[in-house]
PDB file of all heavy atoms in Angstrom:
ATOM      1  N   PHE A   1      54.646  50.055 -51.086  1.00  0.00           N
ATOM      2  CA  PHE A   1      53.351  49.722 -50.508  1.00  0.00           C
ATOM      3  C   PHE A   1      52.970  50.658 -49.387  1.00  0.00           C
ATOM      4  O   PHE A   1      51.797  50.921 -49.127  1.00  0.00           O
ATOM      5  CB  PHE A   1      53.360  48.244 -50.036  1.00  0.00           C
ATOM      6  CG  PHE A   1      53.234  47.264 -51.152  1.00  0.00           C
ATOM      7  CD1 PHE A   1      54.304  46.526 -51.565  1.00  0.00           C
ATOM      8  CD2 PHE A   1      52.018  47.116 -51.865  1.00  0.00           C
ATOM      9  CE1 PHE A   1      54.199  45.634 -52.625  1.00  0.00           C
ATOM     10  CE2 PHE A   1      51.918  46.225 -52.899  1.00  0.00           C
ATOM     11  CZ  PHE A   1      52.992  45.479 -53.301  1.00  0.00           C
ATOM     12  N   ASP A   2      53.962  51.206 -48.654  1.00  0.00           N
ATOM     13  CA  ASP A   2      53.687  52.224 -47.694  1.00  0.00           C
ATOM     14  C   ASP A   2      53.066  53.460 -48.357  1.00  0.00           C
ATOM     15  O   ASP A   2      52.173  54.113 -47.755  1.00  0.00           O
ATOM     16  CB  ASP A   2      55.019  52.675 -46.996  1.00  0.00           C
ATOM     17  CG  ASP A   2      55.435  51.771 -45.865  1.00  0.00           C
ATOM     18  OD1 ASP A   2      54.586  50.923 -45.432  1.00  0.00           O
ATOM     19  OD2 ASP A   2      56.546  51.870 -45.386  1.00  0.00           O
ATOM     20  N   ALA A   3      53.523  53.772 -49.560  1.00  0.00           N
ATOM     21  CA  ALA A   3      52.988  54.953 -50.266  1.00  0.00           C
ATOM     22  C   ALA A   3      51.526  54.797 -50.609  1.00  0.00           C
ATOM     23  O   ALA A   3      50.815  55.793 -50.783  1.00  0.00           O
ATOM     24  CB  ALA A   3      53.815  55.183 -51.586  1.00  0.00           C
ATOM     25  N   VAL A   4      51.025  53.573 -50.711  1.00  0.00           N
ATOM     26  CA  VAL A   4      49.603  53.329 -50.895  1.00  0.00           C
ATOM     27  C   VAL A   4      48.851  53.321 -49.591  1.00  0.00           C
ATOM     28  O   VAL A   4      47.752  53.828 -49.463  1.00  0.00           O
ATOM     29  CB  VAL A   4      49.362  51.998 -51.699  1.00  0.00           C
ATOM     30  CG1 VAL A   4      47.893  51.689 -51.786  1.00  0.00           C
ATOM     31  CG2 VAL A   4      50.008  52.080 -53.062  1.00  0.00           C
ATOM     32  N   PHE A   5      49.542  52.726 -48.578  1.00  0.00           N
ATOM     33  CA  PHE A   5      48.876  52.571 -47.276  1.00  0.00           C
ATOM     34  C   PHE A   5      48.488  53.898 -46.644  1.00  0.00           C
ATOM     35  O   PHE A   5      47.355  54.044 -46.169  1.00  0.00           O
ATOM     36  CB  PHE A   5      49.818  51.777 -46.364  1.00  0.00           C
ATOM     37  CG  PHE A   5      49.324  51.715 -44.935  1.00  0.00           C
ATOM     38  CD1 PHE A   5      48.414  50.729 -44.602  1.00  0.00           C
ATOM     39  CD2 PHE A   5      49.767  52.609 -43.976  1.00  0.00           C
ATOM     40  CE1 PHE A   5      47.933  50.654 -43.266  1.00  0.00           C
ATOM     41  CE2 PHE A   5      49.285  52.529 -42.686  1.00  0.00           C
ATOM     42  CZ  PHE A   5      48.401  51.559 -42.328  1.00  0.00           C
ATOM     43  N   TYR A   6      49.414  54.871 -46.560  1.00  0.00           N
ATOM     44  CA  TYR A   6      49.155  56.091 -45.784  1.00  0.00           C
ATOM     45  C   TYR A   6      47.980  56.887 -46.324  1.00  0.00           C
ATOM     46  O   TYR A   6      47.089  57.269 -45.536  1.00  0.00           O
ATOM     47  CB  TYR A   6      50.440  56.945 -45.764  1.00  0.00           C
ATOM     48  CG  TYR A   6      51.528  56.291 -44.931  1.00  0.00           C
ATOM     49  CD1 TYR A   6      52.788  56.080 -45.501  1.00  0.00           C
ATOM     50  CD2 TYR A   6      51.316  55.917 -43.622  1.00  0.00           C
ATOM     51  CE1 TYR A   6      53.787  55.471 -44.698  1.00  0.00           C
ATOM     52  CE2 TYR A   6      52.287  55.330 -42.871  1.00  0.00           C
ATOM     53  CZ  TYR A   6      53.528  55.093 -43.428  1.00  0.00           C
ATOM     54  OH  TYR A   6      54.559  54.518 -42.697  1.00  0.00           O
ATOM     55  N   PRO A   7      47.854  57.154 -47.660  1.00  0.00           N
ATOM     56  CA  PRO A   7      46.686  57.899 -48.064  1.00  0.00           C
ATOM     57  C   PRO A   7      45.437  57.095 -47.969  1.00  0.00           C
ATOM     58  O   PRO A   7      44.340  57.655 -47.766  1.00  0.00           O
ATOM     59  CB  PRO A   7      47.026  58.271 -49.536  1.00  0.00           C
ATOM     60  CG  PRO A   7      48.079  57.297 -49.962  1.00  0.00           C
ATOM     61  CD  PRO A   7      48.852  57.005 -48.728  1.00  0.00           C
ATOM     62  N   ALA A   8      45.547  55.771 -48.101  1.00  0.00           N
ATOM     63  CA  ALA A   8      44.333  54.912 -48.045  1.00  0.00           C
ATOM     64  C   ALA A   8      43.697  54.919 -46.647  1.00  0.00           C
ATOM     65  O   ALA A   8      42.502  55.037 -46.501  1.00  0.00           O
ATOM     66  CB  ALA A   8      44.684  53.484 -48.465  1.00  0.00           C
ATOM     67  N   ILE A   9      44.572  54.844 -45.629  1.00  0.00           N
ATOM     68  CA  ILE A   9      43.991  54.817 -44.258  1.00  0.00           C
ATOM     69  C   ILE A   9      43.441  56.169 -43.871  1.00  0.00           C
ATOM     70  O   ILE A   9      42.437  56.260 -43.119  1.00  0.00           O
ATOM     71  CB  ILE A   9      45.016  54.325 -43.238  1.00  0.00           C
ATOM     72  CG1 ILE A   9      44.312  53.944 -41.934  1.00  0.00           C
ATOM     73  CG2 ILE A   9      46.110  55.362 -42.993  1.00  0.00           C
ATOM     74  CD1 ILE A   9      45.189  53.172 -40.967  1.00  0.00           C
ATOM     75  N   SER A  10      44.056  57.246 -44.374  1.00  0.00           N
ATOM     76  CA  SER A  10      43.542  58.586 -44.114  1.00  0.00           C
ATOM     77  C   SER A  10      42.158  58.800 -44.770  1.00  0.00           C
ATOM     78  O   SER A  10      41.271  59.438 -44.221  1.00  0.00           O
ATOM     79  CB  SER A  10      44.497  59.688 -44.598  1.00  0.00           C
ATOM     80  OG  SER A  10      45.730  59.604 -43.907  1.00  0.00           O
ATOM     81  N   ALA A  11      41.995  58.195 -45.973  1.00  0.00           N
ATOM     82  CA  ALA A  11      40.753  58.367 -46.688  1.00  0.00           C
ATOM     83  C   ALA A  11      39.652  57.424 -46.140  1.00  0.00           C
ATOM     84  O   ALA A  11      38.456  57.732 -46.195  1.00  0.00           O
ATOM     85  CB  ALA A  11      40.973  58.069 -48.175  1.00  0.00           C
ATOM     86  N   LEU A  12      40.062  56.255 -45.624  1.00  0.00           N
ATOM     87  CA  LEU A  12      39.077  55.300 -45.126  1.00  0.00           C
ATOM     88  C   LEU A  12      38.452  55.753 -43.811  1.00  0.00           C
ATOM     89  O   LEU A  12      37.244  55.507 -43.584  1.00  0.00           O
ATOM     90  CB  LEU A  12      39.758  53.910 -44.919  1.00  0.00           C
ATOM     91  CG  LEU A  12      38.858  52.802 -44.368  1.00  0.00           C
ATOM     92  CD1 LEU A  12      37.735  52.466 -45.380  1.00  0.00           C
ATOM     93  CD2 LEU A  12      39.687  51.546 -44.028  1.00  0.00           C
ATOM     94  N   THR A  13      39.219  56.404 -42.981  1.00  0.00           N
ATOM     95  CA  THR A  13      38.728  56.716 -41.640  1.00  0.00           C
ATOM     96  C   THR A  13      37.400  57.493 -41.646  1.00  0.00           C
ATOM     97  O   THR A  13      36.437  57.095 -40.970  1.00  0.00           O
ATOM     98  CB  THR A  13      39.822  57.548 -40.854  1.00  0.00           C
ATOM     99  OG1 THR A  13      40.971  56.735 -40.719  1.00  0.00           O
ATOM    100  CG2 THR A  13      39.285  57.945 -39.496  1.00  0.00           C
ATOM    101  N   PRO A  14      37.265  58.599 -42.415  1.00  0.00           N
ATOM    102  CA  PRO A  14      35.965  59.323 -42.399  1.00  0.00           C
ATOM    103  C   PRO A  14      34.830  58.522 -43.060  1.00  0.00           C
ATOM    104  O   PRO A  14      33.681  58.850 -42.867  1.00  0.00           O
ATOM    105  CB  PRO A  14      36.265  60.611 -43.182  1.00  0.00           C
ATOM    106  CG  PRO A  14      37.487  60.296 -43.994  1.00  0.00           C
ATOM    107  CD  PRO A  14      38.264  59.338 -43.188  1.00  0.00           C
ATOM    108  N   GLU A  15      35.197  57.483 -43.836  1.00  0.00           N
ATOM    109  CA  GLU A  15      34.143  56.650 -44.455  1.00  0.00           C
ATOM    110  C   GLU A  15      33.476  55.745 -43.449  1.00  0.00           C
ATOM    111  O   GLU A  15      32.311  55.379 -43.630  1.00  0.00           O
ATOM    112  CB  GLU A  15      34.742  55.773 -45.570  1.00  0.00           C
ATOM    113  CG  GLU A  15      35.142  56.553 -46.825  1.00  0.00           C
ATOM    114  CD  GLU A  15      35.642  55.625 -47.923  1.00  0.00           C
ATOM    115  OE1 GLU A  15      35.592  54.396 -47.698  1.00  0.00           O
ATOM    116  OE2 GLU A  15      36.024  56.106 -48.970  1.00  0.00           O
ATOM    117  N   ILE A  16      34.168  55.332 -42.431  1.00  0.00           N
ATOM    118  CA  ILE A  16      33.641  54.283 -41.525  1.00  0.00           C
ATOM    119  C   ILE A  16      33.328  54.849 -40.124  1.00  0.00           C
ATOM    120  O   ILE A  16      32.788  54.115 -39.291  1.00  0.00           O
ATOM    121  CB  ILE A  16      34.613  53.109 -41.388  1.00  0.00           C
ATOM    122  CG1 ILE A  16      35.926  53.546 -40.760  1.00  0.00           C
ATOM    123  CG2 ILE A  16      34.869  52.446 -42.738  1.00  0.00           C
ATOM    124  CD1 ILE A  16      36.883  52.411 -40.433  1.00  0.00           C
ATOM    125  N   VAL A  17      33.697  56.093 -39.858  1.00  0.00           N
ATOM    126  CA  VAL A  17      33.507  56.664 -38.518  1.00  0.00           C
ATOM    127  C   VAL A  17      32.453  57.786 -38.650  1.00  0.00           C
ATOM    128  O   VAL A  17      32.551  58.654 -39.471  1.00  0.00           O
ATOM    129  CB  VAL A  17      34.849  57.267 -37.991  1.00  0.00           C
ATOM    130  CG1 VAL A  17      34.592  57.873 -36.575  1.00  0.00           C
ATOM    131  CG2 VAL A  17      35.904  56.217 -37.891  1.00  0.00           C
ATOM    132  N   PRO A  18      31.443  57.728 -37.803  1.00  0.00           N
ATOM    133  CA  PRO A  18      30.458  58.814 -37.736  1.00  0.00           C
ATOM    134  C   PRO A  18      31.130  60.192 -37.498  1.00  0.00           C
ATOM    135  O   PRO A  18      32.128  60.244 -36.771  1.00  0.00           O
ATOM    136  CB  PRO A  18      29.532  58.434 -36.535  1.00  0.00           C
ATOM    137  CG  PRO A  18      29.689  56.943 -36.406  1.00  0.00           C
ATOM    138  CD  PRO A  18      31.114  56.659 -36.783  1.00  0.00           C
ATOM    139  N   VAL A  19      30.556  61.197 -38.091  1.00  0.00           N
ATOM    140  CA  VAL A  19      31.191  62.518 -38.036  1.00  0.00           C
ATOM    141  C   VAL A  19      31.423  62.976 -36.617  1.00  0.00           C
ATOM    142  O   VAL A  19      32.472  63.536 -36.288  1.00  0.00           O
ATOM    143  CB  VAL A  19      30.271  63.546 -38.784  1.00  0.00           C
ATOM    144  CG1 VAL A  19      30.860  64.954 -38.662  1.00  0.00           C
ATOM    145  CG2 VAL A  19      30.174  63.178 -40.281  1.00  0.00           C
ATOM    146  N   ASP A  20      30.449  62.730 -35.716  1.00  0.00           N
ATOM    147  CA  ASP A  20      30.583  63.236 -34.353  1.00  0.00           C
ATOM    148  C   ASP A  20      31.675  62.462 -33.573  1.00  0.00           C
ATOM    149  O   ASP A  20      32.080  62.903 -32.486  1.00  0.00           O
ATOM    150  CB  ASP A  20      29.252  63.135 -33.601  1.00  0.00           C
ATOM    151  CG  ASP A  20      28.681  61.737 -33.598  1.00  0.00           C
ATOM    152  OD1 ASP A  20      28.823  60.998 -34.602  1.00  0.00           O
ATOM    153  OD2 ASP A  20      28.069  61.357 -32.595  1.00  0.00           O
ATOM    154  N   LEU A  21      32.121  61.308 -34.109  1.00  0.00           N
ATOM    155  CA  LEU A  21      33.091  60.509 -33.401  1.00  0.00           C
ATOM    156  C   LEU A  21      34.496  60.623 -34.050  1.00  0.00           C
ATOM    157  O   LEU A  21      35.475  60.027 -33.540  1.00  0.00           O
ATOM    158  CB  LEU A  21      32.703  59.027 -33.353  1.00  0.00           C
ATOM    159  CG  LEU A  21      31.428  58.715 -32.518  1.00  0.00           C
ATOM    160  CD1 LEU A  21      31.108  57.249 -32.584  1.00  0.00           C
ATOM    161  CD2 LEU A  21      31.575  59.170 -31.090  1.00  0.00           C
ATOM    162  N   LEU A  22      34.621  61.435 -35.088  1.00  0.00           N
ATOM    163  CA  LEU A  22      35.918  61.586 -35.788  1.00  0.00           C
ATOM    164  C   LEU A  22      36.969  62.169 -34.820  1.00  0.00           C
ATOM    165  O   LEU A  22      38.139  61.719 -34.876  1.00  0.00           O
ATOM    166  CB  LEU A  22      35.785  62.451 -37.019  1.00  0.00           C
ATOM    167  CG  LEU A  22      35.360  61.747 -38.297  1.00  0.00           C
ATOM    168  CD1 LEU A  22      35.141  62.735 -39.436  1.00  0.00           C
ATOM    169  CD2 LEU A  22      36.437  60.708 -38.705  1.00  0.00           C
ATOM    170  N   PRO A  23      36.629  63.159 -33.993  1.00  0.00           N
ATOM    171  CA  PRO A  23      37.676  63.668 -33.037  1.00  0.00           C
ATOM    172  C   PRO A  23      38.212  62.577 -32.125  1.00  0.00           C
ATOM    173  O   PRO A  23      39.427  62.539 -31.866  1.00  0.00           O
ATOM    174  CB  PRO A  23      36.946  64.759 -32.270  1.00  0.00           C
ATOM    175  CG  PRO A  23      35.860  65.251 -33.179  1.00  0.00           C
ATOM    176  CD  PRO A  23      35.412  63.997 -33.921  1.00  0.00           C
ATOM    177  N   ALA A  24      37.334  61.694 -31.691  1.00  0.00           N
ATOM    178  CA  ALA A  24      37.766  60.581 -30.828  1.00  0.00           C
ATOM    179  C   ALA A  24      38.650  59.639 -31.565  1.00  0.00           C
ATOM    180  O   ALA A  24      39.691  59.162 -31.071  1.00  0.00           O
ATOM    181  CB  ALA A  24      36.560  59.838 -30.267  1.00  0.00           C
ATOM    182  N   MET A  25      38.311  59.327 -32.823  1.00  0.00           N
ATOM    183  CA  MET A  25      39.113  58.464 -33.652  1.00  0.00           C
ATOM    184  C   MET A  25      40.482  59.072 -33.922  1.00  0.00           C
ATOM    185  O   MET A  25      41.510  58.391 -33.857  1.00  0.00           O
ATOM    186  CB  MET A  25      38.403  58.223 -35.008  1.00  0.00           C
ATOM    187  CG  MET A  25      39.114  57.239 -35.896  1.00  0.00           C
ATOM    188  SD  MET A  25      39.128  55.552 -35.264  1.00  0.00           S
ATOM    189  CE  MET A  25      39.603  54.653 -36.733  1.00  0.00           C
ATOM    190  N   ASN A  26      40.494  60.372 -34.178  1.00  0.00           N
ATOM    191  CA  ASN A  26      41.749  61.068 -34.456  1.00  0.00           C
ATOM    192  C   ASN A  26      42.601  61.184 -33.226  1.00  0.00           C
ATOM    193  O   ASN A  26      43.844  61.375 -33.328  1.00  0.00           O
ATOM    194  CB  ASN A  26      41.488  62.457 -35.019  1.00  0.00           C
ATOM    195  CG  ASN A  26      40.867  62.417 -36.407  1.00  0.00           C
ATOM    196  OD1 ASN A  26      41.083  61.470 -37.158  1.00  0.00           O
ATOM    197  ND2 ASN A  26      40.070  63.407 -36.767  1.00  0.00           N
ATOM    198  N   ALA A  27      42.022  61.002 -32.068  1.00  0.00           N
ATOM    199  CA  ALA A  27      42.790  61.005 -30.764  1.00  0.00           C
ATOM    200  C   ALA A  27      43.317  59.614 -30.483  1.00  0.00           C
ATOM    201  O   ALA A  27      44.453  59.459 -30.002  1.00  0.00           O
ATOM    202  CB  ALA A  27      41.915  61.550 -29.652  1.00  0.00           C
ATOM    203  N   VAL A  28      42.493  58.607 -30.743  1.00  0.00           N
ATOM    204  CA  VAL A  28      42.833  57.247 -30.399  1.00  0.00           C
ATOM    205  C   VAL A  28      43.983  56.702 -31.271  1.00  0.00           C
ATOM    206  O   VAL A  28      44.932  56.083 -30.734  1.00  0.00           O
ATOM    207  CB  VAL A  28      41.603  56.320 -30.509  1.00  0.00           C
ATOM    208  CG1 VAL A  28      42.037  54.814 -30.442  1.00  0.00           C
ATOM    209  CG2 VAL A  28      40.604  56.632 -29.416  1.00  0.00           C
ATOM    210  N   ARG A  29      43.916  56.911 -32.551  1.00  0.00           N
ATOM    211  CA  ARG A  29      44.901  56.350 -33.452  1.00  0.00           C
ATOM    212  C   ARG A  29      46.336  56.859 -33.160  1.00  0.00           C
ATOM    213  O   ARG A  29      47.261  56.004 -33.015  1.00  0.00           O
ATOM    214  CB  ARG A  29      44.564  56.618 -34.913  1.00  0.00           C
ATOM    215  CG  ARG A  29      43.561  55.618 -35.494  1.00  0.00           C
ATOM    216  CD  ARG A  29      43.382  55.821 -36.958  1.00  0.00           C
ATOM    217  NE  ARG A  29      44.642  55.833 -37.650  1.00  0.00           N
ATOM    218  CZ  ARG A  29      44.932  56.563 -38.723  1.00  0.00           C
ATOM    219  NH1 ARG A  29      44.033  57.393 -39.204  1.00  0.00           N
ATOM    220  NH2 ARG A  29      46.096  56.530 -39.290  1.00  0.00           N
ATOM    221  N   PRO A  30      46.576  58.143 -33.052  1.00  0.00           N
ATOM    222  CA  PRO A  30      47.958  58.594 -32.748  1.00  0.00           C
ATOM    223  C   PRO A  30      48.428  58.102 -31.399  1.00  0.00           C
ATOM    224  O   PRO A  30      49.596  57.770 -31.241  1.00  0.00           O
ATOM    225  CB  PRO A  30      47.864  60.122 -32.806  1.00  0.00           C
ATOM    226  CG  PRO A  30      46.662  60.405 -33.627  1.00  0.00           C
ATOM    227  CD  PRO A  30      45.707  59.293 -33.347  1.00  0.00           C
ATOM    228  N   LEU A  31      47.503  58.060 -30.398  1.00  0.00           N
ATOM    229  CA  LEU A  31      47.869  57.595 -29.084  1.00  0.00           C
ATOM    230  C   LEU A  31      48.344  56.138 -29.134  1.00  0.00           C
ATOM    231  O   LEU A  31      49.367  55.776 -28.570  1.00  0.00           O
ATOM    232  CB  LEU A  31      46.709  57.720 -28.136  1.00  0.00           C
ATOM    233  CG  LEU A  31      46.909  57.227 -26.672  1.00  0.00           C
ATOM    234  CD1 LEU A  31      48.026  58.024 -25.994  1.00  0.00           C
ATOM    235  CD2 LEU A  31      45.582  57.326 -25.866  1.00  0.00           C
ATOM    236  N   ALA A  32      47.538  55.310 -29.824  1.00  0.00           N
ATOM    237  CA  ALA A  32      47.921  53.901 -29.952  1.00  0.00           C
ATOM    238  C   ALA A  32      49.192  53.732 -30.746  1.00  0.00           C
ATOM    239  O   ALA A  32      50.080  52.930 -30.371  1.00  0.00           O
ATOM    240  CB  ALA A  32      46.754  53.153 -30.652  1.00  0.00           C
ATOM    241  N   ASN A  33      49.363  54.492 -31.828  1.00  0.00           N
ATOM    242  CA  ASN A  33      50.574  54.383 -32.625  1.00  0.00           C
ATOM    243  C   ASN A  33      51.825  54.816 -31.832  1.00  0.00           C
ATOM    244  O   ASN A  33      52.853  54.133 -31.919  1.00  0.00           O
ATOM    245  CB  ASN A  33      50.451  55.251 -33.916  1.00  0.00           C
ATOM    246  CG  ASN A  33      49.446  54.653 -34.862  1.00  0.00           C
ATOM    247  OD1 ASN A  33      49.100  53.471 -34.774  1.00  0.00           O
ATOM    248  ND2 ASN A  33      48.957  55.472 -35.784  1.00  0.00           N
ATOM    249  N   ASN A  34      51.696  55.904 -31.090  1.00  0.00           N
ATOM    250  CA  ASN A  34      52.875  56.410 -30.349  1.00  0.00           C
ATOM    251  C   ASN A  34      53.217  55.483 -29.208  1.00  0.00           C
ATOM    252  O   ASN A  34      54.418  55.186 -28.977  1.00  0.00           O
ATOM    253  CB  ASN A  34      52.600  57.812 -29.814  1.00  0.00           C
ATOM    254  CG  ASN A  34      52.563  58.845 -30.965  1.00  0.00           C
ATOM    255  OD1 ASN A  34      53.246  58.691 -31.934  1.00  0.00           O
ATOM    256  ND2 ASN A  34      51.808  59.893 -30.783  1.00  0.00           N
ATOM    257  N   LEU A  35      52.234  55.061 -28.450  1.00  0.00           N
ATOM    258  CA  LEU A  35      52.481  54.213 -27.303  1.00  0.00           C
ATOM    259  C   LEU A  35      52.979  52.809 -27.725  1.00  0.00           C
ATOM    260  O   LEU A  35      54.026  52.326 -27.256  1.00  0.00           O
ATOM    261  CB  LEU A  35      51.213  54.068 -26.441  1.00  0.00           C
ATOM    262  CG  LEU A  35      51.320  53.133 -25.206  1.00  0.00           C
ATOM    263  CD1 LEU A  35      52.368  53.638 -24.250  1.00  0.00           C
ATOM    264  CD2 LEU A  35      49.962  52.986 -24.557  1.00  0.00           C
ATOM    265  N   VAL A  36      52.252  52.215 -28.658  1.00  0.00           N
ATOM    266  CA  VAL A  36      52.550  50.809 -29.038  1.00  0.00           C
ATOM    267  C   VAL A  36      53.694  50.768 -30.074  1.00  0.00           C
ATOM    268  O   VAL A  36      54.608  49.971 -29.960  1.00  0.00           O
ATOM    269  CB  VAL A  36      51.306  50.088 -29.599  1.00  0.00           C
ATOM    270  CG1 VAL A  36      51.643  48.715 -30.056  1.00  0.00           C
ATOM    271  CG2 VAL A  36      50.210  50.052 -28.529  1.00  0.00           C
TER     272      VAL A  36
END
């Protein structure tokens, strides 16, 4: 199920985030994952 999860979340992100906010999204997710 991890094998489905990883490509799915990578593909979903640009679908729901405005193009100009993608850099912010790409900064927030790794920060949250690493810290938490």
